[in-house]
N, C-alpha and C. Protein backbone atom coordinates (compact mmCIF):
# COMPACT_ATOMS: atom_id res chain seq x y z
N MET A 1 25.96 6.87 10.23
CA MET A 1 27.04 7.10 10.47
C MET A 1 27.54 8.61 9.88
N LYS A 2 26.24 9.40 9.30
CA LYS A 2 26.22 10.87 8.86
C LYS A 2 26.59 11.78 10.26
N LYS A 3 25.92 11.18 11.44
CA LYS A 3 25.98 11.95 12.26
C LYS A 3 27.07 11.66 13.09
N PHE A 4 27.79 10.34 13.27
CA PHE A 4 28.97 10.13 13.52
C PHE A 4 30.21 11.02 13.06
N ASN A 5 30.02 11.03 11.68
CA ASN A 5 30.75 12.38 10.78
C ASN A 5 30.82 13.66 11.30
N GLU A 6 30.03 14.08 11.64
CA GLU A 6 29.30 15.25 12.22
C GLU A 6 30.15 15.59 13.55
N LEU A 7 30.36 14.29 14.28
CA LEU A 7 30.79 14.67 15.56
C LEU A 7 32.06 14.62 15.33
N LYS A 8 32.88 14.07 14.49
CA LYS A 8 34.32 14.00 14.36
C LYS A 8 34.73 15.52 13.53
N GLU A 9 33.79 16.08 12.99
CA GLU A 9 34.29 17.20 12.03
C GLU A 9 34.11 18.65 13.10
N LEU A 10 33.19 18.04 14.39
CA LEU A 10 33.18 19.35 15.36
C LEU A 10 34.32 19.22 16.36
N VAL A 11 34.91 17.90 16.67
CA VAL A 11 36.09 17.94 17.52
C VAL A 11 37.11 18.64 16.69
N THR A 12 37.21 18.40 15.50
CA THR A 12 38.36 18.81 14.69
C THR A 12 38.21 20.26 14.64
N ALA A 13 37.12 20.94 14.24
CA ALA A 13 36.90 22.38 14.49
C ALA A 13 37.00 22.80 15.86
N LEU A 14 37.04 22.49 16.85
CA LEU A 14 37.19 22.65 18.23
C LEU A 14 38.78 22.83 18.81
N GLU A 15 39.67 21.93 17.73
CA GLU A 15 41.20 21.76 18.11
C GLU A 15 41.72 23.09 18.02
N VAL A 16 41.28 24.05 17.42
CA VAL A 16 42.00 25.39 17.26
C VAL A 16 41.85 26.04 18.30
N ASP A 17 40.48 26.30 18.55
CA ASP A 17 40.10 27.13 19.84
C ASP A 17 40.69 26.44 21.25
N ALA A 18 40.79 25.02 21.27
CA ALA A 18 41.28 24.81 22.30
C ALA A 18 42.59 24.84 22.55
N ASP A 19 43.46 24.84 21.49
CA ASP A 19 44.86 24.93 21.62
C ASP A 19 45.15 26.79 21.85
N LYS A 20 44.20 27.55 21.36
CA LYS A 20 44.30 28.85 21.81
C LYS A 20 44.17 29.18 23.23
N PHE A 21 43.07 28.54 23.84
CA PHE A 21 42.90 28.51 25.24
C PHE A 21 43.97 27.92 26.16
N TYR A 22 44.43 26.62 26.00
CA TYR A 22 45.25 26.23 26.67
C TYR A 22 46.71 26.77 26.48
N ASN A 23 47.02 27.03 25.22
CA ASN A 23 48.53 27.59 24.95
C ASN A 23 48.63 28.94 24.92
N LYS A 24 47.56 29.56 24.79
CA LYS A 24 47.73 31.25 24.45
C LYS A 24 47.06 31.94 25.36
N ALA A 25 46.40 31.13 26.42
CA ALA A 25 45.62 31.84 27.54
C ALA A 25 44.25 32.57 26.95
N ASN A 26 43.80 32.31 25.91
CA ASN A 26 42.82 33.18 25.30
C ASN A 26 41.59 32.85 25.81
N SER A 27 40.94 33.51 26.73
CA SER A 27 39.67 32.96 27.52
C SER A 27 38.19 33.23 26.46
N ALA A 28 38.22 33.91 25.36
CA ALA A 28 37.09 33.83 24.41
C ALA A 28 37.44 32.48 23.70
N ALA A 29 38.55 32.01 23.38
CA ALA A 29 38.53 30.51 22.87
C ALA A 29 38.09 29.78 24.03
N GLY A 30 38.05 29.75 24.96
CA GLY A 30 37.96 28.72 26.10
C GLY A 30 36.36 28.77 26.22
N THR A 31 35.65 30.22 25.89
CA THR A 31 34.33 30.07 25.92
C THR A 31 33.45 29.39 24.69
N ARG A 32 34.18 29.83 23.23
CA ARG A 32 33.95 28.69 22.16
C ARG A 32 34.19 27.39 22.62
N VAL A 33 35.38 26.55 23.23
CA VAL A 33 35.42 25.36 23.62
C VAL A 33 34.31 24.97 24.41
N ARG A 34 33.70 25.59 25.00
CA ARG A 34 32.96 24.90 26.18
C ARG A 34 31.59 24.67 25.63
N LYS A 35 30.93 25.87 24.39
CA LYS A 35 30.11 25.77 23.68
C LYS A 35 29.96 24.62 23.04
N GLY A 36 31.13 24.43 22.49
CA GLY A 36 31.22 23.34 21.50
C GLY A 36 31.26 22.08 21.93
N MET A 37 31.86 21.78 23.31
CA MET A 37 31.65 20.70 23.84
C MET A 37 30.11 20.10 24.30
N GLN A 38 29.35 21.57 24.44
CA GLN A 38 28.09 20.99 24.78
C GLN A 38 27.51 20.62 23.76
N ASP A 39 27.61 21.17 22.24
CA ASP A 39 27.36 20.24 21.27
C ASP A 39 27.70 19.47 21.07
N LEU A 40 28.92 19.03 21.47
CA LEU A 40 29.38 17.34 21.41
C LEU A 40 28.84 16.44 22.13
N LYS A 41 28.43 17.02 23.18
CA LYS A 41 27.51 16.14 23.99
C LYS A 41 26.06 15.61 23.34
N ASN A 42 25.43 17.09 23.02
CA ASN A 42 24.10 16.58 22.54
C ASN A 42 24.15 16.18 21.34
N LEU A 43 25.14 15.93 20.36
CA LEU A 43 25.11 15.06 19.44
C LEU A 43 25.54 13.79 19.74
N ALA A 44 26.37 13.68 20.73
CA ALA A 44 26.64 12.25 21.12
C ALA A 44 25.32 11.51 21.45
N GLN A 45 24.26 12.20 22.43
CA GLN A 45 23.30 11.61 22.76
C GLN A 45 22.49 11.40 21.46
N VAL A 46 22.40 12.21 20.51
CA VAL A 46 21.57 11.87 19.57
C VAL A 46 21.88 10.43 18.61
N ILE A 47 23.76 10.45 18.78
CA ILE A 47 23.98 9.09 17.92
C ILE A 47 23.74 7.86 18.76
N ARG A 48 23.77 8.28 20.50
CA ARG A 48 23.36 7.02 21.21
C ARG A 48 21.88 6.40 20.76
N LEU A 49 21.16 7.32 21.14
CA LEU A 49 19.68 7.26 20.79
C LEU A 49 19.53 6.26 19.23
N GLU A 50 20.09 6.90 18.33
CA GLU A 50 19.88 6.29 16.85
C GLU A 50 20.47 4.93 16.90
N ILE A 51 21.74 4.48 17.61
CA ILE A 51 22.15 3.38 17.77
C ILE A 51 21.13 2.31 18.55
N GLN A 52 20.72 2.95 19.39
CA GLN A 52 19.97 2.08 20.40
C GLN A 52 18.44 1.67 19.85
N GLU A 53 18.15 2.55 19.03
CA GLU A 53 17.06 2.34 18.17
C GLU A 53 17.06 1.46 17.11
N THR A 54 18.28 1.45 16.47
CA THR A 54 18.69 0.57 15.50
C THR A 54 18.72 -0.87 15.82
N LYS A 55 19.30 -1.02 16.90
CA LYS A 55 19.76 -2.34 17.78
C LYS A 55 18.45 -2.85 17.94
N ASN A 56 17.33 -1.93 18.46
CA ASN A 56 16.30 -2.92 19.04
C ASN A 56 15.49 -2.99 17.86
N LYS A 57 15.61 -2.41 16.59
CA LYS A 57 14.90 -2.97 15.36
C LYS A 57 15.32 -4.23 15.21
N GLU A 58 16.70 -4.58 15.27
CA GLU A 58 16.92 -6.09 15.00
C GLU A 58 16.78 -6.76 15.47
N ASP A 59 16.21 -6.79 16.79
CA ASP A 59 15.95 -8.12 17.98
C ASP A 59 14.58 -8.27 17.58
């Protein structure tokens, strides 16, 4: 559950930069959002693997 909470915090942190990019045309904020989205992708993969491992242990 710790990793899932990290994922939620990362999404929340990206919200400010996403607003700057989409509503204020700040291209540097767009770069930060893209990096953050890559971090989200990697963290989501870690969570997927943890869930699969836990599920397989139960079987």
